[in-house]
Structure formats: C-alpha cells, structure tokens
Amino acid sequence: MARKKDLPVLEDFEITAVAAEGKALGRYGDMVVFVPYGVPGDVAQVRVTKKRKRYMEGKITALRRPSPLRVDPPCEHFGTCGGCKWQNIPYREQLRFKTAQVADQLRRIGGLDIPEPLPAIGSRQEYFYRNKLEYTFSSKRWFTTDEIRTDGQLGDARGLGFHIPGMFDKVLDIRKCWLQPDPSNDIRLWLKQECSDRGLEFYDPRSHLGFMRNVIIRTSSTGEVMVILVFAADTPGDYEPLLEALAAAFPAVTSLMYVINGKLNDSIADLQVHLFRGRDHIFEQMEDLRFKIGPKSFYQTNSEQAYQLYRVTRQFADPSPDDVVYDLYTGTGTIANFLARGCARVVGVEYVPEAIEDARVNSEINGIINTAFFAGDMKDVLDDAFIERHGRPDVVILDPPRAGIHEDVVRTILRASPGRIVYVSCNPATQARDLTLLAPQYDITAVQPVDMFPHTHHVENVVKLVRK
C-alpha cells in the first residue's frame, strides 16, 4: 500500500455509480475509486486514503458540482453516525439502485439465468420505521470535528448513542435518531439526563468501569413499548430508583426490564433478563395473527415491511390445502405461522432453542395446530431420516442468516425434491452462490426485492424456484 504522502488528491473526480456497503464509485484511469457518501453524478475533489493494486478508496473533501440527484439529509448525525448512508439520495433512486444491485449479484456472482427482477417494494415509512434499537452509554463519547473546531471547551464527555463504525470504545451522542418512532428519542434523552443527575457513571469499555451500559428499546405495531436497561453491577440501590422514575415518566412503557452484565462484552444473549414492571413481552400484529415478542426474540425490525416480505413469500410458495411446507431457519416461526392456514402442515427448523419455544407459543396464541418446530443445527437436523419421519415437503421456505446455506442442507433439499422453493435472503451475494447449487434442478421464475431498510444499501430479496 502506498504511503500517505504518496496518495493523490483527485480533482474534478466524477462519481458514476453506487457500490457495495453504501459507498459510491468512479474511475481514475484503470483504477476503481470507492467513495463513501458520494452520489452518482457528483463531481468532487477526492483525497485518496487507501491505494491497492486494483482499486483505491477516497474521501470527498470538496463538492465541485453536486449531482442533480443529491438531496439534503434530514439527520444532523449523517456522515458521522455511519448508519443511513443514503439519506442524501432520493428514496425512489435508492429503490432503483437496490433492484439493479440484486440483478447484478444474481447474474454476475451466480452466473444465473433469471427473469428481470420486479421493482423493489418500497417502505411506506422512509423514516421512523424500526421497531428495535440499542443505544450504548459512554463516559468518553466521540467529539465531532465541528465540536473540536468550535472552541477548546468540549463540555460533557458523557454520551448515549451509537458506536462509531470500527471503534468499539467510541460512541456518538445522539440528539435525534430518525429510525425509531416515539417515544424512543424521548426515552433516550430522558435517560441521559436522569442518569447524569443521579450521578450514575456511564460505562468505559476500555477500563471496564462505570455502571450504565446499554438500553434496548422495542416498539410494536400494536403501540406497545419494551425498554431493557443493562447495568454493569447488581446494586438495586442504584437501578431500582431509576427504573421507578422511568416507569413514572413514561407510562406508555408496557414492559420494563433489566439485565446485569458484568462481562467484558455487551452481548446479553447468555444473560438473564429480569422483569421490573409490566409484562415480559409485547405483541406484534400481522393480518389476524399476533406474535409474542420477548426481550431476546428475533422479529424483522421493520414491522410493516415484514408483512410485505411475508406476503411475497406466501404468494411465491402458493401453498395448497394438501401441501407439506418446510420452513427452514424459521426463527420465531413468523413465516411458518403466516403460511400455516393455507396448507396441511408446516415443519419449522431453527438453531436457537429459545426461538423455537417462541414459535410454538405463537402457534398456540393464534390457535394454529398444524405446525411442528424443531431446534438444532440445520445441517445436522435436516437429513433424509428427518424427512422420512415428517413427510416429503411440497414447498421449502429458506430464510437463512447472511452466511447462507450449508452445502449439506442444499444436498438434502435436492434429494427431497420439493415442487417449489422460496429463498428469502438479506444477502443477495450469498443467495446467488446458493442458487447456483439449486439451479441444475430448478428454474428461477420470479425475483422480488423488498426494501426493509430505507436509506441504507441493505435489501431483502425473495426468489421463487420451480422444479424442472
């Protein structure tokens, strides 16, 4: 890699396209240059920050001629927070880019013969669409360049917000986040002030000193609110008065919980969640179905778009009353229960045992009796003997994590030979890889991107496959 003093400054550099990870790109000679926060059509001065054999990375230092597509982002934290990297691009263009991204990855990475993808289904809510956010307390928050330039009086070093990308110990204090609906912002701002007034120390991940660690806020389409506070020590004299005050200040909170985390990392997956006030769950609603959401439950973080995603999945699956449907990577059984009333039986498999318990509860809540859920590593659970016991699937639904599907799972599915496969993916690149393994026996007949996360480069994609 070139030394910093050898890195060029590119004058009148034209940004021509969007790229992976929310970046934009242009060409400098035979080199591709990746630039964050650029908009196709921008002409800018770009300072190169990294140079490799085949590409460079740079940063816009002056905008010479802004793209006609460029819009002003509403969030004051844009460009520092690291999220919502496309707020400076009109939403209609974001959807167009995402549709093109899906087509490119399936054709270029997978070499697949696919029909033209349908236009990405956009979110009715461009902002305030998330139902879950996690904020981090910090005793040594990140100071922005503007704050440092203003004067030498940097003021309060405490912050409550999001980690700066790539920095585990730096947190940007958030004044207003455009991602989650009320009362999320009010709760966060109140907590910062209240904890400061009470002298409760904010956590320092380097020294592992401090008391206040995290707060998780979940909201639902039914209007319910869950708040989970994470403390570094089990000292009821400190946290009980704070929890009482929060419950009094925000009576809309229907589930108030807390966790004691004395570990060196922020994960609460292996820790007990204690109920302080209200219920230990909230509910989501989808058509006439209700889904119980606990503090650790997985649920798509854009509730309204989750419904669009599952509608497409149901349409592509096209189950008949006699069909056996396998919902692989079922999570809390949302898709399984959503499809159950239109088929004979749904068999769900998921790695996380707690998620399977949630799936069973969700079937019970909705009076659904034709589902069966099993916990375990997919490649170990799903084998020929399992299919022999539970019936050959007519339809297989796949909704794996970003890493995609293990080859053993693909081989088992191919031997089971279902008539239709519906592959739901949050990562079209790994989806393309997996589809190449299915393509010899299946035709891809429909491709539908669904935008779950406006103003980011992320996109869900649903593919329908029919046995040849």
Protein backbone atom coordinates (compact mmCIF):
# COMPACT_ATOMS: atom_id res chain seq x y z
CA MET A 1 0.00 0.00 0.00
CA ALA A 2 1.22 3.48 -0.80
CA ARG A 3 2.43 5.75 1.98
CA LYS A 4 0.05 8.57 2.93
CA LYS A 5 2.29 11.24 1.44
CA ASP A 6 2.21 9.38 -1.89
CA LEU A 7 -1.59 9.25 -2.05
CA PRO A 8 -3.05 11.60 -4.67
CA VAL A 9 -5.80 14.18 -4.46
CA LEU A 10 -8.20 13.73 -7.38
CA GLU A 11 -9.54 16.97 -8.83
CA ASP A 12 -12.88 17.10 -10.65
CA PHE A 13 -13.48 13.42 -9.95
CA GLU A 14 -16.84 12.17 -11.22
CA ILE A 15 -18.83 9.66 -9.21
CA THR A 16 -20.70 7.41 -11.60
CA ALA A 17 -22.41 4.60 -9.66
CA VAL A 18 -23.29 3.16 -6.27
CA ALA A 19 -21.23 0.31 -4.86
CA ALA A 20 -21.24 -2.22 -2.04
CA GLU A 21 -21.58 -1.25 1.62
CA GLY A 22 -23.32 2.00 0.82
CA LYS A 23 -20.36 3.53 -0.99
CA ALA A 24 -20.23 5.16 -4.41
CA LEU A 25 -17.57 4.75 -7.09
CA GLY A 26 -15.90 6.32 -10.09
CA ARG A 27 -12.85 5.59 -12.26
CA TYR A 28 -9.41 7.14 -12.25
CA GLY A 29 -7.52 5.75 -15.22
CA ASP A 30 -7.78 1.98 -14.92
CA MET A 31 -8.48 2.14 -11.18
CA VAL A 32 -11.86 1.98 -9.43
CA VAL A 33 -12.16 4.52 -6.62
CA PHE A 34 -14.67 3.88 -3.82
CA VAL A 35 -16.01 6.97 -2.06
CA PRO A 36 -18.42 6.98 0.92
CA TYR A 37 -21.36 9.40 0.92
CA GLY A 38 -20.98 10.14 -2.78
CA VAL A 39 -23.97 10.40 -5.13
CA PRO A 40 -23.86 9.32 -8.79
CA GLY A 41 -23.40 12.49 -10.81
CA ASP A 42 -21.30 14.30 -8.18
CA VAL A 43 -18.10 15.99 -9.35
CA ALA A 44 -15.80 16.41 -6.38
CA GLN A 45 -12.30 16.78 -5.06
CA VAL A 46 -11.42 13.42 -3.55
CA ARG A 47 -8.50 12.75 -1.25
CA VAL A 48 -7.30 9.14 -1.65
CA THR A 49 -6.98 7.41 1.72
CA LYS A 50 -6.01 3.91 0.59
CA LYS A 51 -4.40 2.53 -2.55
CA ARG A 52 -4.30 -1.09 -3.62
CA LYS A 53 -3.30 -2.76 -6.88
CA ARG A 54 -6.78 -2.73 -8.40
CA TYR A 55 -8.67 -0.05 -6.50
CA MET A 56 -8.42 2.99 -4.29
CA GLU A 57 -10.57 4.41 -1.50
CA GLY A 58 -11.08 8.12 -1.01
CA LYS A 59 -12.98 10.83 0.80
CA ILE A 60 -14.80 13.84 -0.61
CA THR A 61 -13.02 16.98 0.57
CA ALA A 62 -14.86 19.47 -1.65
CA LEU A 63 -18.00 19.16 -3.74
CA ARG A 64 -17.30 20.93 -7.05
CA ARG A 65 -20.63 20.21 -8.73
CA PRO A 66 -23.31 18.33 -6.81
CA SER A 67 -25.30 15.64 -8.56
CA PRO A 68 -28.82 16.63 -9.62
CA LEU A 69 -29.90 13.59 -7.59
CA ARG A 70 -28.35 14.86 -4.35
CA VAL A 71 -30.74 15.90 -1.55
CA ASP A 72 -30.12 17.30 1.91
CA PRO A 73 -30.17 14.57 4.60
CA PRO A 74 -32.51 15.46 7.49
CA CYS A 75 -30.37 13.86 10.20
CA GLU A 76 -27.77 16.06 11.89
CA HIS A 77 -25.63 12.98 12.55
CA PHE A 78 -25.42 11.98 8.87
CA GLY A 79 -21.85 11.18 7.83
CA THR A 80 -20.63 10.60 11.40
CA CYS A 81 -23.03 8.00 12.79
CA GLY A 82 -22.28 5.54 9.98
CA GLY A 83 -25.90 4.48 9.50
CA CYS A 84 -28.40 5.65 6.85
CA LYS A 85 -25.61 6.30 4.33
CA TRP A 86 -28.05 7.00 1.50
CA GLN A 87 -30.02 9.82 3.13
CA ASN A 88 -28.53 12.15 0.50
CA ILE A 89 -30.14 10.10 -2.32
CA PRO A 90 -33.89 10.34 -3.12
CA TYR A 91 -35.74 7.26 -1.96
CA ARG A 92 -37.08 6.42 -5.44
CA GLU A 93 -33.47 6.27 -6.66
CA GLN A 94 -32.45 4.09 -3.72
CA LEU A 95 -35.11 1.56 -4.75
CA ARG A 96 -33.88 1.64 -8.34
CA PHE A 97 -30.29 1.05 -7.18
CA LYS A 98 -31.35 -1.83 -4.96
CA THR A 99 -33.25 -3.56 -7.75
CA ALA A 100 -30.21 -3.20 -10.01
CA GLN A 101 -27.93 -4.46 -7.22
CA VAL A 102 -29.99 -7.66 -6.88
CA ALA A 103 -29.93 -8.27 -10.63
CA ASP A 104 -26.17 -7.68 -10.80
CA GLN A 105 -25.35 -10.02 -7.93
CA LEU A 106 -27.53 -12.88 -9.14
CA ARG A 107 -26.24 -12.62 -12.70
CA ARG A 108 -22.61 -11.65 -12.10
CA ILE A 109 -21.81 -13.62 -8.93
CA GLY A 110 -24.12 -16.55 -9.59
CA GLY A 111 -23.98 -16.55 -13.38
CA LEU A 112 -27.70 -17.29 -13.16
CA ASP A 113 -30.36 -17.12 -15.82
CA ILE A 114 -33.04 -15.07 -14.07
CA PRO A 115 -36.12 -13.17 -15.18
CA GLU A 116 -35.93 -9.41 -14.82
CA PRO A 117 -36.32 -8.64 -11.09
CA LEU A 118 -39.56 -6.93 -10.17
CA PRO A 119 -39.10 -3.36 -8.87
CA ALA A 120 -38.13 -3.30 -5.20
CA ILE A 121 -41.12 -2.90 -2.91
CA GLY A 122 -40.50 0.33 -1.02
CA SER A 123 -41.30 1.13 2.57
CA ARG A 124 -44.28 3.41 3.13
CA GLN A 125 -42.34 4.89 6.02
CA GLU A 126 -38.95 6.20 4.92
CA TYR A 127 -38.13 7.27 8.47
CA PHE A 128 -39.06 6.03 11.95
CA TYR A 129 -39.62 2.52 10.62
CA ARG A 130 -37.52 0.40 13.01
CA ASN A 131 -39.13 -1.44 15.92
CA LYS A 132 -35.87 -2.07 17.80
CA LEU A 133 -32.76 -0.01 18.61
CA GLU A 134 -29.90 -0.45 21.06
CA TYR A 135 -28.02 2.53 22.48
CA THR A 136 -24.73 2.49 24.37
CA PHE A 137 -23.71 4.64 27.34
CA SER A 138 -20.17 6.04 27.21
CA SER A 139 -18.10 8.03 29.69
CA LYS A 140 -15.83 9.18 26.84
CA ARG A 141 -18.02 9.99 23.90
CA TRP A 142 -16.86 10.82 20.38
CA PHE A 143 -16.36 14.53 19.74
CA THR A 144 -17.16 15.60 16.20
CA THR A 145 -14.81 17.73 14.10
CA ASP A 146 -17.20 20.69 14.40
CA GLU A 147 -17.22 20.42 18.21
CA ILE A 148 -13.43 20.37 18.33
CA ARG A 149 -13.16 23.32 15.96
CA THR A 150 -15.69 25.48 17.81
CA ASP A 151 -13.57 26.10 20.90
CA GLY A 152 -11.49 24.29 23.45
CA GLN A 153 -14.44 23.84 25.82
CA LEU A 154 -15.67 20.42 24.78
CA GLY A 155 -18.07 20.10 27.69
CA ASP A 156 -19.74 16.91 28.93
CA ALA A 157 -17.85 13.80 27.84
CA ARG A 158 -20.80 11.50 28.55
CA GLY A 159 -22.81 10.16 25.66
CA LEU A 160 -25.71 7.83 24.88
CA GLY A 161 -25.94 6.70 21.29
CA PHE A 162 -24.32 4.51 18.64
CA HIS A 163 -20.81 3.17 18.24
CA ILE A 164 -18.68 4.96 15.67
CA PRO A 165 -18.04 2.44 12.84
CA GLY A 166 -14.96 0.33 13.55
CA MET A 167 -14.43 1.78 17.05
CA PHE A 168 -15.62 -0.37 19.92
CA ASP A 169 -14.83 2.28 22.54
CA LYS A 170 -16.21 5.40 20.82
CA VAL A 171 -19.88 6.32 20.99
CA LEU A 172 -21.57 9.19 19.17
CA ASP A 173 -24.04 11.02 21.39
CA ILE A 174 -27.37 11.05 19.53
CA ARG A 175 -29.71 14.01 19.87
CA LYS A 176 -32.35 12.78 17.42
CA CYS A 177 -32.45 9.47 15.60
CA TRP A 178 -34.72 9.20 12.57
CA LEU A 179 -35.04 5.41 12.75
CA GLN A 180 -37.48 4.54 15.54
CA PRO A 181 -40.87 6.12 16.32
CA ASP A 182 -41.82 7.83 19.57
CA PRO A 183 -41.19 7.53 22.41
CA SER A 184 -37.72 6.18 21.53
CA ASN A 185 -35.94 9.54 21.27
CA ASP A 186 -37.63 10.92 24.39
CA ILE A 187 -36.69 7.87 26.46
CA ARG A 188 -33.04 8.06 25.38
CA LEU A 189 -32.75 11.80 26.09
CA TRP A 190 -34.50 11.42 29.43
CA LEU A 191 -32.20 8.56 30.44
CA LYS A 192 -29.07 10.52 29.65
CA GLN A 193 -30.19 13.49 31.73
CA GLU A 194 -31.64 11.42 34.58
CA CYS A 195 -28.57 9.20 34.93
CA SER A 196 -26.33 12.29 34.88
CA ASP A 197 -28.47 13.99 37.55
CA ARG A 198 -28.37 10.88 39.74
CA GLY A 199 -24.59 10.55 39.42
CA LEU A 200 -24.80 7.11 37.79
CA GLU A 201 -21.49 6.58 35.98
CA PHE A 202 -21.52 5.88 32.26
CA TYR A 203 -19.52 2.83 31.18
CA ASP A 204 -15.96 2.90 29.80
CA PRO A 205 -15.31 -0.23 27.66
CA ARG A 206 -11.54 0.22 27.91
CA SER A 207 -11.23 0.36 31.69
CA HIS A 208 -14.49 -1.58 32.25
CA LEU A 209 -15.51 0.96 34.86
CA GLY A 210 -18.93 2.55 35.17
CA PHE A 211 -22.49 1.42 35.85
CA MET A 212 -24.78 2.33 32.92
CA ARG A 213 -24.06 0.13 29.88
CA ASN A 214 -26.90 -0.12 27.36
CA VAL A 215 -30.56 0.47 26.73
CA ILE A 216 -32.66 -1.52 24.25
CA ILE A 217 -35.98 -0.06 23.11
CA ARG A 218 -38.57 -2.14 21.26
CA THR A 219 -41.77 -0.67 19.84
CA SER A 220 -44.54 -2.57 18.08
CA SER A 221 -47.28 -2.07 15.53
CA THR A 222 -49.78 -2.57 18.38
CA GLY A 223 -48.46 0.52 20.17
CA GLU A 224 -46.64 -1.35 22.94
CA VAL A 225 -43.17 -0.39 24.17
CA MET A 226 -40.45 -2.50 25.79
CA VAL A 227 -37.40 -0.98 27.50
CA ILE A 228 -34.45 -3.09 28.67
CA LEU A 229 -31.75 -1.36 30.72
CA VAL A 230 -28.35 -3.04 31.08
CA PHE A 231 -26.30 -2.36 34.22
CA ALA A 232 -22.71 -3.36 34.97
CA ALA A 233 -23.36 -4.33 38.61
CA ASP A 234 -26.16 -5.83 40.69
CA THR A 235 -26.74 -2.87 43.01
CA PRO A 236 -30.51 -2.45 43.48
CA GLY A 237 -30.00 0.78 45.38
CA ASP A 238 -28.76 2.31 42.13
CA TYR A 239 -31.03 0.81 39.50
CA GLU A 240 -34.39 0.42 41.27
CA PRO A 241 -34.97 4.18 41.81
CA LEU A 242 -34.00 4.81 38.16
CA LEU A 243 -36.42 2.16 36.92
CA GLU A 244 -39.20 3.56 39.12
CA ALA A 245 -38.56 7.05 37.75
CA LEU A 246 -38.57 5.80 34.15
CA ALA A 247 -41.87 3.96 34.68
CA ALA A 248 -43.42 7.14 36.13
CA ALA A 249 -42.07 9.36 33.33
CA PHE A 250 -43.19 7.02 30.52
CA PRO A 251 -46.45 5.25 31.39
CA ALA A 252 -46.64 4.06 27.75
CA VAL A 253 -43.87 1.55 28.52
CA THR A 254 -45.69 -1.77 28.81
CA SER A 255 -42.62 -3.91 29.50
CA LEU A 256 -39.78 -2.58 31.69
CA MET A 257 -36.88 -4.99 32.17
CA TYR A 258 -33.24 -5.02 33.17
CA VAL A 259 -30.07 -7.09 32.79
CA ILE A 260 -26.95 -7.28 34.95
CA ASN A 261 -23.91 -7.58 32.67
CA GLY A 262 -20.51 -7.82 34.36
CA LYS A 263 -18.85 -9.34 31.27
CA LEU A 264 -16.30 -7.68 29.04
CA ASN A 265 -18.68 -7.60 26.05
CA ASP A 266 -22.15 -6.14 25.51
CA SER A 267 -23.98 -9.31 24.43
CA ILE A 268 -26.91 -10.25 26.65
CA ALA A 269 -27.75 -13.47 24.77
CA ASP A 270 -26.41 -15.62 27.62
CA LEU A 271 -27.70 -13.42 30.46
CA GLN A 272 -30.94 -13.44 32.44
CA VAL A 273 -33.44 -10.68 31.72
CA HIS A 274 -35.34 -9.56 34.84
CA LEU A 275 -38.87 -8.15 34.72
CA PHE A 276 -39.29 -4.94 36.74
CA ARG A 277 -42.72 -3.68 35.67
CA GLY A 278 -45.46 -4.76 33.27
CA ARG A 279 -45.32 -7.85 31.01
CA ASP A 280 -42.22 -9.75 29.90
CA HIS A 281 -43.28 -9.41 26.26
CA ILE A 282 -45.02 -7.21 23.72
CA PHE A 283 -47.14 -8.20 20.74
CA GLU A 284 -46.87 -7.64 17.00
CA GLN A 285 -49.88 -7.89 14.71
CA MET A 286 -49.91 -9.16 11.13
CA GLU A 287 -53.28 -9.64 9.42
CA ASP A 288 -55.28 -11.52 12.08
CA LEU A 289 -52.19 -13.08 13.66
CA ARG A 290 -50.49 -11.96 16.87
CA PHE A 291 -46.84 -12.64 17.61
CA LYS A 292 -45.37 -12.61 21.11
CA ILE A 293 -42.04 -10.74 21.22
CA GLY A 294 -39.79 -11.30 24.24
CA PRO A 295 -36.63 -9.36 25.14
CA LYS A 296 -34.43 -11.72 23.11
CA SER A 297 -36.90 -12.65 20.37
CA PHE A 298 -35.96 -12.12 16.74
CA TYR A 299 -38.51 -10.21 14.70
CA GLN A 300 -37.97 -8.32 11.46
CA THR A 301 -37.06 -4.78 12.55
CA ASN A 302 -39.39 -3.08 10.05
CA SER A 303 -42.81 -4.43 11.02
CA GLU A 304 -44.75 -3.00 8.07
CA GLN A 305 -42.21 -4.25 5.51
CA ALA A 306 -42.05 -7.64 7.24
CA TYR A 307 -45.69 -8.00 6.25
CA GLN A 308 -44.82 -7.16 2.62
CA LEU A 309 -41.94 -9.67 2.71
CA TYR A 310 -44.15 -12.45 4.03
CA ARG A 311 -46.95 -11.62 1.56
CA VAL A 312 -44.47 -12.12 -1.29
CA THR A 313 -43.21 -15.33 0.32
CA ARG A 314 -46.76 -16.67 0.61
CA GLN A 315 -47.55 -15.69 -2.97
CA PHE A 316 -44.40 -17.40 -4.30
CA ALA A 317 -44.97 -20.51 -2.14
CA ASP A 318 -48.57 -20.76 -3.39
CA PRO A 319 -49.45 -23.48 -0.87
CA SER A 320 -52.46 -25.73 -1.39
CA PRO A 321 -54.52 -27.36 1.40
CA ASP A 322 -52.73 -30.70 0.94
CA ASP A 323 -49.17 -29.34 0.91
CA VAL A 324 -46.46 -30.05 3.48
CA VAL A 325 -44.29 -26.94 3.88
CA TYR A 326 -40.82 -26.88 5.42
CA ASP A 327 -39.82 -23.51 6.88
CA LEU A 328 -36.05 -23.75 7.31
CA TYR A 329 -34.31 -21.17 9.53
CA THR A 330 -37.77 -20.45 10.91
CA GLY A 331 -36.65 -18.14 13.72
CA THR A 332 -39.70 -17.49 15.93
CA GLY A 333 -41.94 -19.15 13.36
CA THR A 334 -43.35 -15.96 11.84
CA ILE A 335 -43.39 -17.24 8.25
CA ALA A 336 -44.46 -20.72 9.35
CA ASN A 337 -47.50 -19.42 11.21
CA PHE A 338 -48.25 -16.93 8.44
CA LEU A 339 -48.48 -19.80 5.91
CA ALA A 340 -49.99 -22.50 8.15
CA ARG A 341 -53.67 -21.86 7.48
CA GLY A 342 -53.21 -22.37 3.76
CA CYS A 343 -51.58 -25.82 3.86
CA ALA A 344 -51.78 -29.23 5.53
CA ARG A 345 -48.72 -28.90 7.76
CA VAL A 346 -45.67 -26.70 8.38
CA VAL A 347 -42.40 -28.08 9.76
CA GLY A 348 -40.04 -25.42 11.12
CA VAL A 349 -36.36 -25.86 11.96
CA GLU A 350 -34.17 -23.31 13.76
CA TYR A 351 -30.77 -23.33 15.52
CA VAL A 352 -31.81 -21.27 18.59
CA PRO A 353 -33.90 -23.27 21.12
CA GLU A 354 -35.46 -20.12 22.64
CA ALA A 355 -36.69 -19.06 19.20
CA ILE A 356 -38.35 -22.45 18.73
CA GLU A 357 -40.14 -22.03 22.05
CA ASP A 358 -41.39 -18.64 20.82
CA ALA A 359 -42.56 -20.25 17.57
CA ARG A 360 -44.58 -22.84 19.47
CA VAL A 361 -46.11 -20.16 21.70
CA ASN A 362 -47.03 -18.09 18.63
CA SER A 363 -48.84 -21.08 17.12
CA GLU A 364 -50.71 -21.62 20.38
CA ILE A 365 -51.68 -17.94 20.72
CA ASN A 366 -53.20 -17.99 17.24
CA GLY A 367 -54.92 -21.36 17.57
CA ILE A 368 -52.71 -22.93 14.91
CA ILE A 369 -52.41 -26.70 15.37
CA ASN A 370 -50.74 -27.84 12.13
CA THR A 371 -47.17 -26.68 12.89
CA ALA A 372 -44.23 -28.59 14.34
CA PHE A 373 -40.96 -26.93 15.35
CA PHE A 374 -37.52 -28.45 15.93
CA ALA A 375 -34.31 -26.94 17.31
CA GLY A 376 -30.78 -27.77 16.17
CA ASP A 377 -28.05 -27.08 13.65
CA MET A 378 -29.74 -27.21 10.26
CA LYS A 379 -27.13 -29.45 8.61
CA ASP A 380 -27.48 -31.95 11.46
CA VAL A 381 -31.27 -31.87 11.89
CA LEU A 382 -32.34 -31.83 8.25
CA ASP A 383 -31.36 -35.20 6.84
CA ASP A 384 -33.10 -37.97 4.92
CA ALA A 385 -34.30 -39.64 8.14
CA PHE A 386 -35.91 -36.38 9.33
CA ILE A 387 -37.77 -36.05 6.03
CA GLU A 388 -38.85 -39.67 6.21
CA ARG A 389 -40.35 -39.04 9.68
CA HIS A 390 -42.06 -35.73 8.93
CA GLY A 391 -43.04 -36.11 5.30
CA ARG A 392 -41.55 -35.03 2.00
CA PRO A 393 -42.02 -31.29 1.53
CA ASP A 394 -44.07 -29.95 -1.35
CA VAL A 395 -42.70 -26.47 -0.63
CA VAL A 396 -39.47 -25.39 1.09
CA ILE A 397 -39.04 -21.89 2.50
CA LEU A 398 -35.44 -20.81 3.08
CA ASP A 399 -34.66 -17.72 5.18
CA PRO A 400 -31.05 -18.25 6.34
CA PRO A 401 -28.68 -15.82 8.07
CA ARG A 402 -26.33 -13.66 5.97
CA ALA A 403 -23.84 -16.51 5.55
CA GLY A 404 -26.37 -18.50 3.54
CA ILE A 405 -26.96 -22.26 3.44
CA HIS A 406 -24.58 -25.11 4.21
CA GLU A 407 -23.96 -27.37 1.19
CA ASP A 408 -25.20 -30.41 3.14
CA VAL A 409 -28.57 -28.68 3.53
CA VAL A 410 -28.71 -27.99 -0.20
CA ARG A 411 -27.98 -31.64 -0.99
CA THR A 412 -30.74 -32.80 1.37
CA ILE A 413 -33.25 -30.41 -0.21
CA LEU A 414 -32.31 -31.61 -3.70
CA ARG A 415 -32.88 -35.23 -2.65
CA ALA A 416 -36.26 -34.28 -1.14
CA SER A 417 -37.12 -32.63 -4.47
CA PRO A 418 -39.90 -30.24 -3.42
CA GLY A 419 -42.03 -28.79 -6.21
CA ARG A 420 -41.28 -25.20 -5.18
CA ILE A 421 -38.58 -23.44 -3.19
CA VAL A 422 -38.85 -19.87 -1.94
CA TYR A 423 -35.50 -18.40 -0.91
CA VAL A 424 -35.65 -15.26 1.25
CA SER A 425 -32.28 -13.58 1.78
CA CYS A 426 -30.84 -10.49 3.42
CA ASN A 427 -27.64 -11.01 1.41
CA PRO A 428 -28.15 -11.42 -2.37
CA ALA A 429 -24.44 -12.27 -2.79
CA THR A 430 -24.62 -15.48 -0.72
CA GLN A 431 -28.07 -16.12 -2.11
CA ALA A 432 -26.55 -16.09 -5.61
CA ARG A 433 -23.93 -18.62 -4.53
CA ASP A 434 -26.56 -20.97 -3.09
CA LEU A 435 -28.87 -20.64 -6.07
CA THR A 436 -26.13 -21.94 -8.37
CA LEU A 437 -26.28 -25.23 -6.42
CA LEU A 438 -30.06 -25.44 -6.84
CA ALA A 439 -30.18 -24.24 -10.46
CA PRO A 440 -29.41 -27.60 -12.14
CA GLN A 441 -32.73 -28.97 -10.86
CA TYR A 442 -34.77 -25.77 -10.53
CA ASP A 443 -35.81 -22.86 -12.71
CA ILE A 444 -35.82 -19.37 -11.20
CA THR A 445 -39.23 -18.00 -12.15
CA ALA A 446 -39.53 -14.79 -10.10
CA VAL A 447 -37.27 -12.34 -8.24
CA GLN A 448 -38.70 -9.73 -5.87
CA PRO A 449 -36.54 -7.35 -3.80
CA VAL A 450 -38.19 -5.89 -0.69
CA ASP A 451 -36.69 -2.84 0.98
CA MET A 452 -36.64 -3.30 4.75
CA PHE A 453 -34.10 -0.56 5.48
CA PRO A 454 -34.59 2.76 3.67
CA HIS A 455 -31.51 4.99 3.33
CA THR A 456 -29.15 2.01 3.63
CA HIS A 457 -27.72 -0.29 0.96
CA HIS A 458 -29.32 -3.36 2.55
CA VAL A 459 -32.11 -5.16 0.71
CA GLU A 460 -34.06 -8.37 1.22
CA ASN A 461 -34.65 -10.50 -1.84
CA VAL A 462 -37.19 -13.24 -2.49
CA VAL A 463 -36.63 -15.80 -5.25
CA LYS A 464 -39.11 -18.40 -6.46
CA LEU A 465 -37.74 -21.68 -7.83
CA VAL A 466 -39.81 -24.36 -9.56
CA ARG A 467 -38.62 -27.93 -10.09
CA LYS A 468 -37.69 -28.66 -13.72
